[in-house]
Amino acid sequence: MNSDTRSRSLFTRRNEPCPCESGLRYKHCHGRFNTSATTDKGIEQQLAERGRIKEAEEMLRKRQQGHGRPMITALHNGRRVVVVGKRMVYSPRWRFVTDFLLDNLKNVIGREWGDEASKKTPDHQLFRWLDGFSEAARQAEGGALLPPKGRRVGVNSSCLRSLSHRAQ
């Protein structure tokens, strides 16, 4: 390419000499990407903020669900949908994930075991937890399984949630 053709081209290629005749290639002179210190600081601040938000979300998830794999759940058409292993389960009765966990606990432990254990040992620890939690649910407004008030019921709630998470 001769100098006449170069001067008539509509744009300067990155590796050609800069048209300002500084002696530098265009990419090192006027062809740099538009970056400035203020833009870099703004981007850094946004990235740091996103990192803090992600970290806070992860801490909350670990506090709610434990340190295992995150639960896959969504609200779809008024139903709580939860992925358990390779299957999806849903119910209109589950308003919260804890509702699913308690309902699924019956399936994991087995209804037969529950019937047998309630006959053999009606004072089983699991049944005491369930009774305390059921009482708290009845006392809650609207029947929602809200975090109960009071230490004794709080222990029941905590133990049941922990057991249901481990049963997955």
N, C-alpha and C. Protein backbone atom coordinates (compact mmCIF):
# COMPACT_ATOMS: atom_id res chain seq x y z
N MET A 1 0.85 -1.17 0.00
CA MET A 1 0.00 0.00 0.00
C MET A 1 0.90 1.23 0.00
N ASN A 2 0.72 2.14 -0.95
CA ASN A 2 1.56 3.33 -0.99
C ASN A 2 0.96 4.43 -0.14
N SER A 3 1.68 5.53 -0.01
CA SER A 3 1.25 6.61 0.88
C SER A 3 0.00 7.31 0.37
N ASP A 4 -0.20 7.37 -0.97
CA ASP A 4 -1.40 8.01 -1.50
C ASP A 4 -2.66 7.22 -1.13
N THR A 5 -2.57 5.93 -1.25
CA THR A 5 -3.72 5.08 -0.93
C THR A 5 -4.02 5.14 0.57
N ARG A 6 -2.97 5.16 1.39
CA ARG A 6 -3.14 5.20 2.84
C ARG A 6 -3.83 6.48 3.27
N SER A 7 -3.50 7.60 2.68
CA SER A 7 -4.09 8.87 3.09
C SER A 7 -5.54 8.97 2.65
N ARG A 8 -5.90 8.22 1.60
CA ARG A 8 -7.28 8.29 1.11
C ARG A 8 -8.20 7.27 1.78
N SER A 9 -7.68 6.36 2.58
CA SER A 9 -8.55 5.35 3.19
C SER A 9 -9.48 6.01 4.19
N LEU A 10 -10.65 5.43 4.36
CA LEU A 10 -11.66 6.02 5.23
C LEU A 10 -11.32 5.86 6.71
N PHE A 11 -10.57 4.85 7.03
CA PHE A 11 -10.20 4.66 8.43
C PHE A 11 -8.76 4.19 8.51
N THR A 12 -8.17 4.41 9.64
CA THR A 12 -6.78 4.00 9.86
C THR A 12 -6.78 2.66 10.56
N ARG A 13 -5.97 1.76 10.05
CA ARG A 13 -5.87 0.45 10.68
C ARG A 13 -5.00 0.57 11.92
N ARG A 14 -5.21 -0.31 12.86
CA ARG A 14 -4.55 -0.21 14.17
C ARG A 14 -3.03 -0.26 14.10
N ASN A 15 -2.46 -1.04 13.19
CA ASN A 15 -1.01 -1.18 13.13
C ASN A 15 -0.33 -0.19 12.19
N GLU A 16 -1.07 0.68 11.55
CA GLU A 16 -0.48 1.69 10.66
C GLU A 16 0.00 2.87 11.50
N PRO A 17 0.90 3.70 10.94
CA PRO A 17 1.33 4.90 11.67
C PRO A 17 0.14 5.83 11.92
N CYS A 18 0.18 6.49 13.04
CA CYS A 18 -0.92 7.38 13.42
C CYS A 18 -0.95 8.59 12.48
N PRO A 19 -2.13 9.04 12.03
CA PRO A 19 -2.23 10.20 11.14
C PRO A 19 -1.74 11.50 11.78
N CYS A 20 -1.59 11.56 13.09
CA CYS A 20 -1.11 12.79 13.73
C CYS A 20 0.41 12.94 13.59
N GLU A 21 1.05 11.95 12.97
CA GLU A 21 2.49 11.94 12.71
C GLU A 21 3.33 11.99 13.98
N SER A 22 2.86 11.30 15.01
CA SER A 22 3.63 11.23 16.26
C SER A 22 4.75 10.20 16.16
N GLY A 23 4.68 9.35 15.16
CA GLY A 23 5.68 8.31 15.01
C GLY A 23 5.25 7.00 15.66
N LEU A 24 4.15 7.01 16.36
CA LEU A 24 3.63 5.80 17.00
C LEU A 24 2.61 5.13 16.09
N ARG A 25 2.42 3.84 16.33
CA ARG A 25 1.35 3.18 15.60
C ARG A 25 0.02 3.70 16.13
N TYR A 26 -0.99 3.65 15.30
CA TYR A 26 -2.30 4.20 15.63
C TYR A 26 -2.86 3.58 16.92
N LYS A 27 -2.66 2.27 17.12
CA LYS A 27 -3.23 1.60 18.29
C LYS A 27 -2.58 2.07 19.59
N HIS A 28 -1.34 2.62 19.50
CA HIS A 28 -0.66 3.11 20.71
C HIS A 28 -0.83 4.61 20.90
N CYS A 29 -1.40 5.28 19.93
CA CYS A 29 -1.55 6.73 20.01
C CYS A 29 -3.03 7.09 20.17
N HIS A 30 -3.71 7.35 19.06
CA HIS A 30 -5.11 7.75 19.10
C HIS A 30 -6.07 6.58 18.97
N GLY A 31 -5.57 5.39 18.76
CA GLY A 31 -6.43 4.22 18.57
C GLY A 31 -6.68 3.43 19.83
N ARG A 32 -6.30 3.98 20.96
CA ARG A 32 -6.54 3.27 22.22
C ARG A 32 -8.03 3.20 22.50
N PHE A 33 -8.40 2.14 23.22
CA PHE A 33 -9.80 2.05 23.63
C PHE A 33 -10.07 3.13 24.64
N ASN A 34 -11.27 3.64 24.66
CA ASN A 34 -11.62 4.75 25.52
C ASN A 34 -11.67 4.30 26.98
N THR A 35 -10.55 4.45 27.65
CA THR A 35 -10.51 4.13 29.07
C THR A 35 -9.94 5.33 29.79
N SER A 36 -10.56 5.68 30.85
CA SER A 36 -10.05 6.77 31.67
C SER A 36 -10.06 6.31 33.12
N ALA A 37 -9.38 7.04 33.96
CA ALA A 37 -9.28 6.67 35.37
C ALA A 37 -10.66 6.69 36.03
N THR A 38 -11.49 7.67 35.66
CA THR A 38 -12.82 7.74 36.28
C THR A 38 -13.68 6.56 35.86
N THR A 39 -13.58 6.16 34.60
CA THR A 39 -14.35 5.01 34.14
C THR A 39 -13.88 3.75 34.86
N ASP A 40 -12.56 3.58 34.96
CA ASP A 40 -12.02 2.41 35.64
C ASP A 40 -12.47 2.36 37.10
N LYS A 41 -12.45 3.51 37.78
CA LYS A 41 -12.87 3.54 39.18
C LYS A 41 -14.35 3.21 39.30
N GLY A 42 -15.15 3.73 38.38
CA GLY A 42 -16.59 3.44 38.41
C GLY A 42 -16.85 1.97 38.22
N ILE A 43 -16.14 1.37 37.28
CA ILE A 43 -16.30 -0.06 37.03
C ILE A 43 -15.83 -0.86 38.23
N GLU A 44 -14.71 -0.46 38.81
CA GLU A 44 -14.20 -1.15 40.00
C GLU A 44 -15.20 -1.08 41.14
N GLN A 45 -15.82 0.09 41.32
CA GLN A 45 -16.80 0.24 42.39
C GLN A 45 -18.02 -0.65 42.14
N GLN A 46 -18.47 -0.69 40.88
CA GLN A 46 -19.62 -1.53 40.55
C GLN A 46 -19.30 -3.00 40.78
N LEU A 47 -18.11 -3.42 40.36
CA LEU A 47 -17.72 -4.81 40.55
C LEU A 47 -17.60 -5.16 42.03
N ALA A 48 -17.03 -4.24 42.80
CA ALA A 48 -16.90 -4.47 44.24
C ALA A 48 -18.28 -4.58 44.89
N GLU A 49 -19.20 -3.71 44.47
CA GLU A 49 -20.56 -3.74 45.01
C GLU A 49 -21.26 -5.06 44.66
N ARG A 50 -21.11 -5.47 43.40
CA ARG A 50 -21.70 -6.75 42.99
C ARG A 50 -21.09 -7.91 43.78
N GLY A 51 -19.79 -7.85 44.03
CA GLY A 51 -19.13 -8.88 44.81
C GLY A 51 -19.67 -8.94 46.23
N ARG A 52 -19.88 -7.76 46.83
CA ARG A 52 -20.42 -7.72 48.20
C ARG A 52 -21.85 -8.27 48.23
N ILE A 53 -22.64 -7.92 47.23
CA ILE A 53 -24.02 -8.42 47.17
C ILE A 53 -24.03 -9.93 47.02
N LYS A 54 -23.20 -10.45 46.11
CA LYS A 54 -23.11 -11.90 45.90
C LYS A 54 -22.68 -12.61 47.18
N GLU A 55 -21.70 -12.02 47.87
CA GLU A 55 -21.20 -12.61 49.11
C GLU A 55 -22.29 -12.64 50.18
N ALA A 56 -23.06 -11.54 50.28
CA ALA A 56 -24.14 -11.48 51.26
C ALA A 56 -25.23 -12.50 50.92
N GLU A 57 -25.56 -12.64 49.64
CA GLU A 57 -26.55 -13.63 49.23
C GLU A 57 -26.09 -15.05 49.57
N GLU A 58 -24.82 -15.32 49.35
CA GLU A 58 -24.28 -16.65 49.64
C GLU A 58 -24.29 -16.92 51.15
N MET A 59 -23.95 -15.91 51.95
CA MET A 59 -23.99 -16.07 53.41
C MET A 59 -25.41 -16.37 53.88
N LEU A 60 -26.38 -15.64 53.32
CA LEU A 60 -27.78 -15.86 53.68
C LEU A 60 -28.23 -17.26 53.28
N ARG A 61 -27.83 -17.70 52.08
CA ARG A 61 -28.20 -19.03 51.62
C ARG A 61 -27.63 -20.10 52.54
N LYS A 62 -26.36 -19.94 52.93
CA LYS A 62 -25.73 -20.92 53.82
C LYS A 62 -26.41 -20.94 55.18
N ARG A 63 -26.82 -19.76 55.65
CA ARG A 63 -27.50 -19.69 56.94
C ARG A 63 -28.87 -20.37 56.87
N GLN A 64 -29.55 -20.21 55.74
CA GLN A 64 -30.87 -20.80 55.60
C GLN A 64 -30.82 -22.28 55.23
N GLN A 65 -29.88 -22.65 54.34
CA GLN A 65 -29.90 -24.00 53.77
C GLN A 65 -28.74 -24.87 54.20
N GLY A 66 -27.75 -24.31 54.86
CA GLY A 66 -26.57 -25.09 55.23
C GLY A 66 -25.49 -24.95 54.17
N HIS A 67 -24.40 -25.69 54.35
CA HIS A 67 -23.24 -25.54 53.48
C HIS A 67 -23.26 -26.48 52.27
N GLY A 68 -24.30 -27.24 52.10
CA GLY A 68 -24.39 -28.16 50.96
C GLY A 68 -24.73 -27.44 49.67
N ARG A 69 -25.14 -28.22 48.69
CA ARG A 69 -25.54 -27.64 47.41
C ARG A 69 -26.76 -26.77 47.60
N PRO A 70 -26.86 -25.68 46.85
CA PRO A 70 -28.04 -24.82 46.98
C PRO A 70 -29.31 -25.53 46.50
N MET A 71 -30.41 -25.22 47.15
CA MET A 71 -31.69 -25.79 46.74
C MET A 71 -32.16 -25.10 45.47
N ILE A 72 -32.79 -25.85 44.60
CA ILE A 72 -33.35 -25.28 43.38
C ILE A 72 -34.85 -25.21 43.58
N THR A 73 -35.37 -24.00 43.69
CA THR A 73 -36.78 -23.80 43.96
C THR A 73 -37.27 -22.54 43.28
N ALA A 74 -38.56 -22.52 42.96
CA ALA A 74 -39.15 -21.35 42.32
C ALA A 74 -40.65 -21.36 42.60
N LEU A 75 -41.25 -20.19 42.49
CA LEU A 75 -42.69 -20.06 42.62
C LEU A 75 -43.24 -19.95 41.21
N HIS A 76 -44.10 -20.91 40.81
CA HIS A 76 -44.63 -20.93 39.44
C HIS A 76 -46.14 -21.13 39.50
N ASN A 77 -46.88 -20.16 38.98
CA ASN A 77 -48.35 -20.21 38.97
C ASN A 77 -48.92 -20.48 40.36
N GLY A 78 -48.37 -19.83 41.35
CA GLY A 78 -48.87 -19.97 42.71
C GLY A 78 -48.47 -21.26 43.41
N ARG A 79 -47.60 -22.02 42.81
CA ARG A 79 -47.13 -23.28 43.41
C ARG A 79 -45.64 -23.21 43.65
N ARG A 80 -45.20 -23.75 44.76
CA ARG A 80 -43.78 -23.85 45.05
C ARG A 80 -43.27 -25.10 44.35
N VAL A 81 -42.30 -24.93 43.44
CA VAL A 81 -41.70 -26.05 42.71
C VAL A 81 -40.30 -26.25 43.26
N VAL A 82 -39.97 -27.50 43.62
CA VAL A 82 -38.67 -27.81 44.19
C VAL A 82 -38.08 -28.98 43.42
N VAL A 83 -36.79 -28.89 43.12
CA VAL A 83 -36.09 -29.99 42.45
C VAL A 83 -35.45 -30.84 43.53
N VAL A 84 -35.79 -32.13 43.53
CA VAL A 84 -35.24 -33.09 44.49
C VAL A 84 -34.58 -34.19 43.69
N GLY A 85 -33.27 -34.24 43.73
CA GLY A 85 -32.55 -35.24 42.93
C GLY A 85 -32.79 -35.00 41.45
N LYS A 86 -33.42 -35.99 40.80
CA LYS A 86 -33.69 -35.86 39.37
C LYS A 86 -35.17 -35.63 39.09
N ARG A 87 -35.94 -35.29 40.11
CA ARG A 87 -37.37 -35.07 39.88
C ARG A 87 -37.80 -33.71 40.44
N MET A 88 -38.88 -33.20 39.84
CA MET A 88 -39.44 -31.94 40.29
C MET A 88 -40.74 -32.25 41.02
N VAL A 89 -40.90 -31.64 42.20
CA VAL A 89 -42.13 -31.83 42.96
C VAL A 89 -42.73 -30.45 43.23
N TYR A 90 -44.06 -30.41 43.37
CA TYR A 90 -44.71 -29.14 43.61
C TYR A 90 -46.02 -29.37 44.36
N SER A 91 -46.50 -28.32 44.99
CA SER A 91 -47.78 -28.38 45.68
C SER A 91 -48.27 -26.96 45.89
N PRO A 92 -49.58 -26.74 45.78
CA PRO A 92 -50.11 -25.41 46.07
C PRO A 92 -50.09 -25.10 47.58
N ARG A 93 -49.90 -26.14 48.41
CA ARG A 93 -49.88 -25.94 49.86
C ARG A 93 -48.55 -25.38 50.36
N TRP A 94 -47.50 -25.51 49.60
CA TRP A 94 -46.18 -25.07 50.04
C TRP A 94 -46.01 -23.59 49.72
N ARG A 95 -46.08 -22.76 50.74
CA ARG A 95 -45.82 -21.34 50.52
C ARG A 95 -44.34 -21.03 50.64
N PHE A 96 -43.68 -21.77 51.50
CA PHE A 96 -42.26 -21.56 51.75
C PHE A 96 -41.52 -22.88 51.57
N VAL A 97 -40.22 -22.82 51.44
CA VAL A 97 -39.43 -24.03 51.27
C VAL A 97 -39.55 -24.92 52.51
N THR A 98 -39.69 -24.31 53.68
CA THR A 98 -39.82 -25.11 54.91
C THR A 98 -41.09 -25.95 54.88
N ASP A 99 -42.15 -25.44 54.25
CA ASP A 99 -43.38 -26.23 54.12
C ASP A 99 -43.09 -27.50 53.32
N PHE A 100 -42.33 -27.35 52.24
CA PHE A 100 -41.94 -28.52 51.44
C PHE A 100 -41.10 -29.48 52.27
N LEU A 101 -40.12 -28.95 53.00
CA LEU A 101 -39.22 -29.81 53.76
C LEU A 101 -39.98 -30.67 54.76
N LEU A 102 -40.93 -30.06 55.46
CA LEU A 102 -41.70 -30.82 56.45
C LEU A 102 -42.59 -31.85 55.78
N ASP A 103 -43.19 -31.48 54.66
CA ASP A 103 -44.05 -32.41 53.94
C ASP A 103 -43.23 -33.57 53.36
N ASN A 104 -42.07 -33.25 52.83
CA ASN A 104 -41.22 -34.26 52.22
C ASN A 104 -40.59 -35.18 53.27
N LEU A 105 -40.45 -34.69 54.50
CA LEU A 105 -39.87 -35.50 55.57
C LEU A 105 -40.70 -36.76 55.79
N LYS A 106 -42.02 -36.64 55.64
CA LYS A 106 -42.89 -37.80 55.80
C LYS A 106 -42.58 -38.86 54.75
N ASN A 107 -42.29 -38.41 53.54
CA ASN A 107 -41.97 -39.36 52.46
C ASN A 107 -40.60 -39.98 52.65
N VAL A 108 -39.64 -39.19 53.11
CA VAL A 108 -38.27 -39.69 53.28
C VAL A 108 -38.20 -40.71 54.41
N ILE A 109 -38.80 -40.38 55.53
CA ILE A 109 -38.78 -41.29 56.68
C ILE A 109 -39.67 -42.49 56.41
N GLY A 110 -40.78 -42.26 55.76
CA GLY A 110 -41.72 -43.34 55.44
C GLY A 110 -42.93 -43.30 56.36
N ARG A 111 -44.08 -43.36 55.76
CA ARG A 111 -45.32 -43.31 56.55
C ARG A 111 -45.46 -44.56 57.43
N GLU A 112 -44.98 -45.71 56.92
CA GLU A 112 -45.07 -46.94 57.71
C GLU A 112 -44.26 -46.80 59.00
N TRP A 113 -43.05 -46.26 58.87
CA TRP A 113 -42.21 -46.07 60.05
C TRP A 113 -42.90 -45.13 61.03
N GLY A 114 -43.50 -44.06 60.51
CA GLY A 114 -44.18 -43.10 61.36
C GLY A 114 -45.33 -43.73 62.12
N ASP A 115 -46.12 -44.57 61.43
CA ASP A 115 -47.24 -45.24 62.10
C ASP A 115 -46.73 -46.20 63.18
N GLU A 116 -45.70 -46.99 62.84
CA GLU A 116 -45.14 -47.94 63.81
C GLU A 116 -44.54 -47.22 65.01
N ALA A 117 -43.74 -46.20 64.74
CA ALA A 117 -43.05 -45.49 65.83
C ALA A 117 -44.05 -44.77 66.73
N SER A 118 -45.13 -44.25 66.16
CA SER A 118 -46.11 -43.55 67.00
C SER A 118 -46.83 -44.53 67.93
N LYS A 119 -46.97 -45.79 67.50
CA LYS A 119 -47.60 -46.80 68.36
C LYS A 119 -46.62 -47.30 69.42
N LYS A 120 -45.37 -47.56 69.01
CA LYS A 120 -44.36 -48.10 69.94
C LYS A 120 -43.91 -47.05 70.95
N THR A 121 -43.48 -45.92 70.44
CA THR A 121 -42.94 -44.86 71.31
C THR A 121 -43.61 -43.53 70.97
N PRO A 122 -44.80 -43.31 71.56
CA PRO A 122 -45.49 -42.05 71.25
C PRO A 122 -44.75 -40.82 71.74
N ASP A 123 -43.78 -41.02 72.64
CA ASP A 123 -43.01 -39.88 73.17
C ASP A 123 -41.68 -39.71 72.41
N HIS A 124 -41.62 -40.20 71.19
CA HIS A 124 -40.39 -40.09 70.37
C HIS A 124 -40.06 -38.61 70.16
N GLN A 125 -38.77 -38.30 70.14
CA GLN A 125 -38.32 -36.91 70.00
C GLN A 125 -38.87 -36.25 68.73
N LEU A 126 -38.90 -36.98 67.65
CA LEU A 126 -39.40 -36.42 66.39
C LEU A 126 -40.85 -35.99 66.53
N PHE A 127 -41.67 -36.79 67.21
CA PHE A 127 -43.08 -36.45 67.39
C PHE A 127 -43.25 -35.24 68.31
N ARG A 128 -42.37 -35.11 69.28
CA ARG A 128 -42.42 -33.92 70.15
C ARG A 128 -42.10 -32.67 69.34
N TRP A 129 -41.10 -32.77 68.46
CA TRP A 129 -40.76 -31.63 67.60
C TRP A 129 -41.95 -31.27 66.70
N LEU A 130 -42.54 -32.30 66.10
CA LEU A 130 -43.68 -32.06 65.20
C LEU A 130 -44.86 -31.44 65.95
N ASP A 131 -45.13 -31.92 67.17
CA ASP A 131 -46.22 -31.35 67.96
C ASP A 131 -45.96 -29.89 68.28
N GLY A 132 -44.73 -29.59 68.71
CA GLY A 132 -44.39 -28.20 69.03
C GLY A 132 -44.47 -27.30 67.82
N PHE A 133 -44.02 -27.81 66.69
CA PHE A 133 -44.04 -27.02 65.47
C PHE A 133 -45.48 -26.83 64.97
N SER A 134 -46.29 -27.86 65.06
CA SER A 134 -47.70 -27.77 64.65
C SER A 134 -48.44 -26.76 65.51
N GLU A 135 -48.15 -26.76 66.80
CA GLU A 135 -48.78 -25.79 67.70
C GLU A 135 -48.39 -24.36 67.31
N ALA A 136 -47.14 -24.16 66.98
CA ALA A 136 -46.69 -22.83 66.56
C ALA A 136 -47.37 -22.42 65.26
N ALA A 137 -47.57 -23.36 64.34
CA ALA A 137 -48.23 -23.06 63.07
C ALA A 137 -49.69 -22.69 63.30
N ARG A 138 -50.34 -23.35 64.25
CA ARG A 138 -51.74 -23.02 64.55
C ARG A 138 -51.85 -21.63 65.15
N GLN A 139 -50.86 -21.25 65.95
CA GLN A 139 -50.90 -19.94 66.60
C GLN A 139 -50.54 -18.81 65.64
N ALA A 140 -49.84 -19.14 64.56
CA ALA A 140 -49.43 -18.11 63.60
C ALA A 140 -50.66 -17.65 62.82
N GLU A 141 -50.66 -16.36 62.49
CA GLU A 141 -51.78 -15.80 61.73
C GLU A 141 -51.76 -16.34 60.31
N GLY A 142 -52.90 -16.71 59.80
CA GLY A 142 -53.01 -17.17 58.43
C GLY A 142 -52.53 -18.59 58.22
N GLY A 143 -52.10 -19.27 59.28
CA GLY A 143 -51.67 -20.65 59.14
C GLY A 143 -50.32 -20.82 58.49
N ALA A 144 -49.61 -19.72 58.23
CA ALA A 144 -48.29 -19.83 57.61
C ALA A 144 -47.29 -20.35 58.63
N LEU A 145 -46.37 -21.15 58.18
CA LEU A 145 -45.36 -21.69 59.09
C LEU A 145 -44.26 -20.66 59.28
N LEU A 146 -44.57 -19.67 60.07
CA LEU A 146 -43.62 -18.59 60.32
C LEU A 146 -42.66 -19.00 61.42
N PRO A 147 -41.50 -18.35 61.49
CA PRO A 147 -40.59 -18.65 62.60
C PRO A 147 -41.31 -18.40 63.92
N PRO A 148 -41.43 -19.40 64.75
CA PRO A 148 -42.19 -19.25 65.98
C PRO A 148 -41.50 -18.38 67.01
N LYS A 149 -42.31 -17.84 67.91
CA LYS A 149 -41.78 -17.03 69.01
C LYS A 149 -41.66 -17.94 70.22
N GLY A 150 -40.67 -17.72 71.00
CA GLY A 150 -40.49 -18.54 72.20
C GLY A 150 -39.41 -19.57 72.00
N ARG A 151 -38.62 -19.78 73.02
CA ARG A 151 -37.45 -20.65 72.90
C ARG A 151 -37.81 -22.10 72.62
N ARG A 152 -38.75 -22.66 73.35
CA ARG A 152 -39.07 -24.09 73.21
C ARG A 152 -39.55 -24.40 71.79
N VAL A 153 -40.45 -23.62 71.28
CA VAL A 153 -40.97 -23.84 69.94
C VAL A 153 -39.89 -23.55 68.91
N GLY A 154 -39.02 -22.58 69.19
CA GLY A 154 -37.92 -22.27 68.28
C GLY A 154 -36.97 -23.44 68.12
N VAL A 155 -36.73 -24.16 69.21
CA VAL A 155 -35.87 -25.35 69.16
C VAL A 155 -36.54 -26.42 68.31
N ASN A 156 -37.85 -26.61 68.49
CA ASN A 156 -38.58 -27.59 67.68
C ASN A 156 -38.45 -27.25 66.20
N SER A 157 -38.65 -26.00 65.89
CA SER A 157 -38.58 -25.55 64.50
C SER A 157 -37.19 -25.78 63.93
N SER A 158 -36.18 -25.39 64.69
CA SER A 158 -34.80 -25.52 64.24
C SER A 158 -34.42 -26.99 64.03
N CYS A 159 -34.81 -27.85 64.96
CA CYS A 159 -34.48 -29.28 64.85
C CYS A 159 -35.16 -29.91 63.64
N LEU A 160 -36.43 -29.57 63.42
CA LEU A 160 -37.15 -30.13 62.28
C LEU A 160 -36.55 -29.67 60.96
N ARG A 161 -36.21 -28.41 60.88
CA ARG A 161 -35.61 -27.89 59.64
C ARG A 161 -34.28 -28.57 59.37
N SER A 162 -33.48 -28.72 60.41
CA SER A 162 -32.18 -29.36 60.26
C SER A 162 -32.34 -30.81 59.81
N LEU A 163 -33.27 -31.53 60.42
CA LEU A 163 -33.51 -32.92 60.05
C LEU A 163 -34.02 -33.02 58.62
N SER A 164 -34.94 -32.13 58.23
CA SER A 164 -35.48 -32.21 56.87
C SER A 164 -34.43 -31.89 55.83
N HIS A 165 -33.51 -30.98 56.14
CA HIS A 165 -32.42 -30.69 55.19
C HIS A 165 -31.52 -31.90 55.02
N ARG A 166 -31.22 -32.57 56.13
CA ARG A 166 -30.32 -33.72 56.06
C ARG A 166 -30.99 -34.90 55.36
N ALA A 167 -32.31 -34.96 55.43
CA ALA A 167 -33.04 -36.07 54.81
C ALA A 167 -33.01 -35.97 53.28
N GLN A 168 -32.65 -34.83 52.75
CA GLN A 168 -32.62 -34.68 51.29
C GLN A 168 -31.46 -35.45 50.77
